[in-house]
Protein backbone atom coordinates (compact mmCIF):
# COMPACT_ATOMS: atom_id res chain seq x y z
CA MET A 1 -80.23 141.53 81.13
CA ARG A 2 -82.69 142.57 83.82
CA GLY A 3 -82.94 138.93 85.02
CA LEU A 4 -79.19 138.59 85.19
CA ALA A 5 -78.95 141.80 87.21
CA GLN A 6 -81.65 140.60 89.62
CA ALA A 7 -79.85 137.25 90.07
CA LYS A 8 -76.59 139.02 90.82
CA GLY A 9 -78.38 141.30 93.30
CA THR A 10 -79.97 138.36 95.08
CA ALA A 11 -76.67 136.51 95.30
CA SER A 12 -74.99 139.60 96.74
CA LEU A 13 -77.74 139.97 99.35
CA VAL A 14 -77.46 136.32 100.43
CA LEU A 15 -73.66 136.62 100.68
CA ALA A 16 -73.98 139.77 102.78
CA LEU A 17 -76.45 138.09 105.14
CA LEU A 18 -74.15 135.08 105.58
CA ILE A 19 -71.19 137.36 106.35
CA ALA A 20 -73.27 139.31 108.86
CA LEU A 21 -74.47 136.14 110.59
CA ALA A 22 -70.99 134.72 110.77
CA ALA A 23 -69.64 137.97 112.20
CA GLY A 24 -72.37 138.00 114.85
CA GLY A 25 -71.65 134.40 115.87
CA CYS A 26 -75.30 133.34 115.74
CA ALA A 27 -74.73 130.76 112.99
CA SER A 28 -71.34 129.57 114.14
CA LYS A 29 -72.23 127.54 117.29
CA ALA A 30 -74.83 127.24 120.02
CA PRO A 31 -74.48 129.43 123.14
CA PRO A 32 -72.55 127.81 126.04
CA SER A 33 -74.57 125.83 128.58
CA PRO A 34 -75.06 127.50 131.97
CA PRO A 35 -72.74 126.17 134.71
CA ALA A 36 -74.14 123.39 136.87
CA PRO A 37 -75.48 124.65 140.18
CA VAL A 38 -73.20 124.16 143.19
CA VAL A 39 -74.89 121.95 145.76
CA SER A 40 -73.77 123.01 149.22
CA GLU A 41 -74.37 121.19 152.48
CA PRO A 42 -77.42 122.61 154.27
CA THR A 43 -76.64 124.70 157.33
CA PRO A 44 -77.79 122.96 160.52
CA ILE A 45 -80.10 124.85 162.83
CA ILE A 46 -78.52 125.87 166.12
CA GLU A 47 -81.04 125.29 168.89
CA GLU A 48 -80.25 127.08 172.14
CA THR A 49 -81.29 125.65 175.49
CA GLY A 50 -84.04 127.61 177.21
CA TYR A 51 -84.88 127.70 180.90
CA ALA A 52 -84.43 124.54 182.97
CA ILE A 53 -85.29 123.43 186.51
CA GLN A 54 -82.39 122.27 188.66
CA THR A 55 -82.95 120.30 191.83
CA GLY A 56 -81.13 118.05 194.25
CA ALA A 57 -77.64 118.23 195.77
CA PHE A 58 -76.59 114.64 196.40
CA SER A 59 -73.26 113.35 197.60
CA VAL A 60 -74.31 109.83 196.57
CA LEU A 61 -74.62 109.26 192.81
CA GLY A 62 -77.39 106.69 193.15
CA ASN A 63 -79.74 109.24 194.74
CA ALA A 64 -79.41 111.58 191.74
CA VAL A 65 -79.82 108.66 189.32
CA ARG A 66 -83.00 107.50 191.07
CA LEU A 67 -84.49 111.00 191.14
CA ALA A 68 -83.78 111.52 187.42
CA ALA A 69 -85.26 108.10 186.60
CA TYR A 70 -88.34 108.82 188.72
CA LEU A 71 -88.92 112.16 187.00
CA LYS A 72 -88.49 110.50 183.60
CA GLN A 73 -91.15 107.96 184.54
CA LYS A 74 -93.44 110.92 185.26
CA GLY A 75 -92.87 112.24 181.75
CA GLU A 76 -90.15 114.81 182.51
CA ASP A 77 -87.07 115.21 180.33
CA ALA A 78 -84.67 114.81 183.25
CA TYR A 79 -80.98 113.93 183.54
CA TYR A 80 -78.37 114.08 186.28
CA PHE A 81 -74.84 115.46 186.25
CA ARG A 82 -71.84 116.03 188.46
CA HIS A 83 -71.80 119.67 189.55
CA GLU A 84 -68.50 121.56 189.88
CA SER A 85 -69.06 121.40 193.65
CA GLY A 86 -68.65 117.63 193.43
CA LEU A 87 -72.32 117.02 194.25
CA TYR A 88 -74.76 115.33 191.88
CA LYS A 89 -77.72 117.37 190.67
CA VAL A 90 -80.69 116.88 188.36
CA ARG A 91 -82.00 119.12 185.58
CA LEU A 92 -85.21 118.86 183.67
CA GLY A 93 -87.19 120.69 181.03
CA ASP A 94 -86.45 123.21 178.32
CA PHE A 95 -88.89 126.10 178.76
CA PRO A 96 -89.20 129.19 176.52
CA THR A 97 -89.55 131.63 179.46
CA ARG A 98 -88.53 131.81 183.10
CA GLN A 99 -92.17 132.10 184.08
CA ASP A 100 -92.99 128.82 182.32
CA ALA A 101 -90.18 127.12 184.24
CA LEU A 102 -91.35 128.60 187.56
CA VAL A 103 -94.92 127.45 187.00
CA ARG A 104 -93.78 123.91 186.26
CA ALA A 105 -91.35 123.89 189.20
CA ARG A 106 -94.07 124.94 191.62
CA SER A 107 -96.37 122.24 190.32
CA LEU A 108 -93.60 119.66 190.82
CA VAL A 109 -93.29 120.82 194.43
CA GLU A 110 -97.07 120.52 194.92
CA GLU A 111 -96.92 116.99 193.47
CA GLY A 112 -94.16 116.10 195.89
CA LEU A 113 -91.70 115.29 193.10
CA VAL A 114 -89.10 117.88 194.15
CA ASP A 115 -88.61 120.09 197.17
CA VAL A 116 -85.97 122.78 196.56
CA TYR A 117 -85.28 124.00 193.02
CA TYR A 118 -83.41 126.63 191.03
CA VAL A 119 -84.29 127.96 187.57
CA VAL A 120 -81.34 128.03 185.16
CA GLY A 121 -81.59 130.55 182.33
CA PRO A 122 -79.77 131.09 179.02
CA GLU A 123 -77.56 133.70 180.69
CA ASP A 124 -76.15 130.97 182.95
CA TYR A 125 -74.80 128.82 180.12
CA ALA A 126 -71.32 128.91 178.62
CA LEU A 127 -72.95 129.72 175.29
CA ALA A 128 -73.81 133.21 176.59
CA ARG A 129 -70.22 133.81 177.75
CA SER A 130 -68.86 132.55 174.43
CA ARG A 131 -70.38 135.59 172.73
CA ILE A 132 -67.80 137.62 174.64
CA TYR A 133 -64.87 135.22 174.86
CA GLY A 134 -65.31 133.25 171.62
CA THR A 135 -66.21 129.77 170.49
CA GLY A 136 -62.90 128.37 171.73
CA MET A 137 -64.04 128.97 175.31
CA LEU A 138 -67.32 127.18 174.62
CA ARG A 139 -65.45 124.19 173.19
CA GLU A 140 -63.28 124.00 176.30
CA GLU A 141 -66.36 124.13 178.55
CA ILE A 142 -68.11 121.35 176.64
CA VAL A 143 -65.03 119.14 176.99
CA ARG A 144 -64.73 120.01 180.68
CA THR A 145 -68.38 119.06 181.19
CA ALA A 146 -67.90 115.75 179.39
CA ARG A 147 -64.86 115.01 181.54
CA SER A 148 -66.95 115.53 184.66
CA PHE A 149 -68.91 112.39 183.66
CA ILE A 150 -65.78 110.21 183.46
CA GLY A 151 -66.09 107.29 185.85
CA LEU A 152 -69.88 107.26 185.84
CA PRO A 153 -71.49 104.01 184.67
CA TYR A 154 -72.90 103.40 181.21
CA GLN A 155 -76.66 103.30 180.74
CA TRP A 156 -78.58 102.24 177.64
CA GLY A 157 -81.39 104.73 177.01
CA GLY A 158 -81.23 106.33 180.42
CA GLU A 159 -83.81 104.07 182.05
CA SER A 160 -82.10 102.04 184.77
CA PRO A 161 -81.51 103.61 188.22
CA GLU A 162 -78.51 101.28 188.69
CA GLU A 163 -76.75 102.46 185.56
CA GLY A 164 -75.42 105.75 184.13
CA PHE A 165 -75.34 107.39 180.68
CA ASP A 166 -75.52 105.93 177.20
CA CYS A 167 -73.24 107.28 174.47
CA SER A 168 -75.57 109.84 172.88
CA GLY A 169 -77.08 110.79 176.24
CA LEU A 170 -73.60 111.79 177.36
CA THR A 171 -72.93 114.01 174.34
CA LYS A 172 -76.39 115.58 174.53
CA ALA A 173 -75.96 116.39 178.24
CA ALA A 174 -72.50 117.88 177.66
CA TYR A 175 -74.02 120.27 175.11
CA GLN A 176 -77.25 120.97 176.97
CA LEU A 177 -75.42 121.91 180.17
CA ASN A 178 -73.61 124.57 178.14
CA GLY A 179 -76.64 126.01 176.35
CA LEU A 180 -77.10 124.01 173.15
CA ASN A 181 -79.70 121.40 172.25
CA ILE A 182 -78.67 118.58 169.93
CA PRO A 183 -80.64 115.45 168.93
CA ARG A 184 -80.94 112.62 171.46
CA SER A 185 -79.75 109.69 169.33
CA SER A 186 -76.34 109.10 167.77
CA LYS A 187 -78.05 108.75 164.38
CA GLY A 188 -79.82 112.08 164.82
CA GLN A 189 -76.63 113.80 165.92
CA PHE A 190 -74.79 112.41 162.88
CA GLU A 191 -77.52 113.56 160.50
CA ARG A 192 -78.01 117.04 161.98
CA GLY A 193 -74.40 118.11 162.53
CA ARG A 194 -72.10 119.60 159.92
CA SER A 195 -69.56 117.19 158.45
CA VAL A 196 -65.93 117.77 159.46
CA PRO A 197 -62.84 116.03 157.99
CA LEU A 198 -60.95 114.09 160.63
CA GLU A 199 -57.91 116.33 160.27
CA ASP A 200 -60.06 119.38 161.10
CA VAL A 201 -61.86 117.98 164.15
CA LYS A 202 -61.68 120.33 167.15
CA LYS A 203 -62.48 120.05 170.83
CA GLY A 204 -66.19 119.58 171.42
CA ASP A 205 -66.93 118.08 168.00
CA LEU A 206 -68.53 114.63 167.84
CA VAL A 207 -66.92 111.50 166.40
CA PHE A 208 -69.05 108.58 165.19
CA PHE A 209 -68.60 104.86 164.80
CA SER A 210 -70.45 101.93 163.26
CA ILE A 211 -70.19 99.16 165.84
CA GLN A 212 -73.52 97.34 165.49
CA ARG A 213 -73.98 95.31 162.31
CA GLY A 214 -76.55 96.80 159.93
CA ARG A 215 -76.36 100.32 161.38
CA LYS A 216 -74.35 103.05 159.69
CA VAL A 217 -74.02 104.92 162.98
CA SER A 218 -74.35 103.23 166.35
CA HIS A 219 -71.88 104.98 168.67
CA VAL A 220 -70.72 108.54 169.37
CA GLY A 221 -68.03 110.22 171.45
CA LEU A 222 -66.94 113.78 172.14
CA TYR A 223 -63.53 114.85 170.86
CA ALA A 224 -61.35 116.14 173.71
CA GLY A 225 -58.24 117.20 171.77
CA ASN A 226 -54.83 115.58 171.23
CA GLY A 227 -56.37 112.59 169.45
CA MET A 228 -58.55 111.65 172.45
CA PHE A 229 -62.32 111.37 172.82
CA ILE A 230 -64.73 110.84 175.73
CA HIS A 231 -67.49 108.26 175.45
CA ALA A 232 -69.72 105.77 177.24
CA PRO A 233 -68.25 102.52 175.84
CA GLY A 234 -70.93 99.96 176.67
CA LYS A 235 -73.00 98.15 179.25
CA GLY A 236 -71.06 97.20 182.35
CA LYS A 237 -68.37 99.82 181.63
CA HIS A 238 -67.82 103.39 182.74
CA ILE A 239 -67.51 106.65 180.83
CA ARG A 240 -63.87 107.15 179.88
CA GLU A 241 -61.38 108.85 177.58
CA GLU A 242 -59.71 106.89 174.79
CA ALA A 243 -57.51 107.42 171.72
CA LEU A 244 -58.94 107.67 168.23
CA SER A 245 -55.74 105.96 167.05
CA ASN A 246 -56.89 102.75 168.74
CA ALA A 247 -57.11 100.13 165.98
CA TYR A 248 -60.66 99.17 166.98
CA PHE A 249 -61.97 102.72 166.70
CA GLN A 250 -60.05 103.38 163.50
CA ARG A 251 -61.70 100.32 161.96
CA HIS A 252 -65.22 101.40 162.94
CA TYR A 253 -64.87 105.18 162.46
CA VAL A 254 -67.48 106.68 160.08
CA GLY A 255 -67.04 110.45 160.43
CA ALA A 256 -67.17 113.59 162.54
CA ARG A 257 -69.78 116.29 162.96
CA THR A 258 -69.78 119.74 164.53
CA PHE A 259 -72.55 121.87 165.99
CA LEU A 260 -70.07 124.66 166.77
CA PHE A 261 -69.80 126.31 163.39
CA PHE A 262 -70.94 129.84 164.22
CA PRO A 263 -68.30 132.62 164.11
CA SER A 264 -65.77 132.72 166.92
């Protein structure tokens, strides 16, 4: 009798344990897997232009081109542009402080490379004003700057005094003159910018094309609004504005990037 009672007691205990486990859910199914992590696009680093040296005031484009080329041969990061006055000027350098720019400018004078100069600081760029008036103003200024290059000749790599700007040199200059540094090459600009769907492209964003066989990105232009973009189309041609709806550009279009993603 005692053995029968013990067997019944054991069976009751096992049944109770099974009921308890089932009620707690531990024996019913494994816990749900954690959700897969969301992989977001890395945020590009916004690099602001520092202090630069500005020199020259030429009415003849070729004089500015030759000065910029000469300074580049001397190891300076120089480029020319059409000033709002209509004259052509040259800028060089990207210095962390005004004093650094002044020291270098004085040494350039002593070397006979420049005569009169002016130091441009971050407060002079449209980027500084955009903190008051918003990113829309900065976009308009970048487009206005790019338009000031229209009509200038194309230049591959910025090396020939007889030529003008190459495609990525144009977009870099348009940004740099307004206070932002972006990579020099079209490939670097494509890789460093933030991707933007074509329907969301805004003024000042960059549009990219694959024109050379074997290269994912080989050409870049600056979006000017209303379906138009500004670019340096190729050797022997001049900087101009064209439509993205052009069949040739539609066929070679690979994407858009923005460097203007900070809050308005």
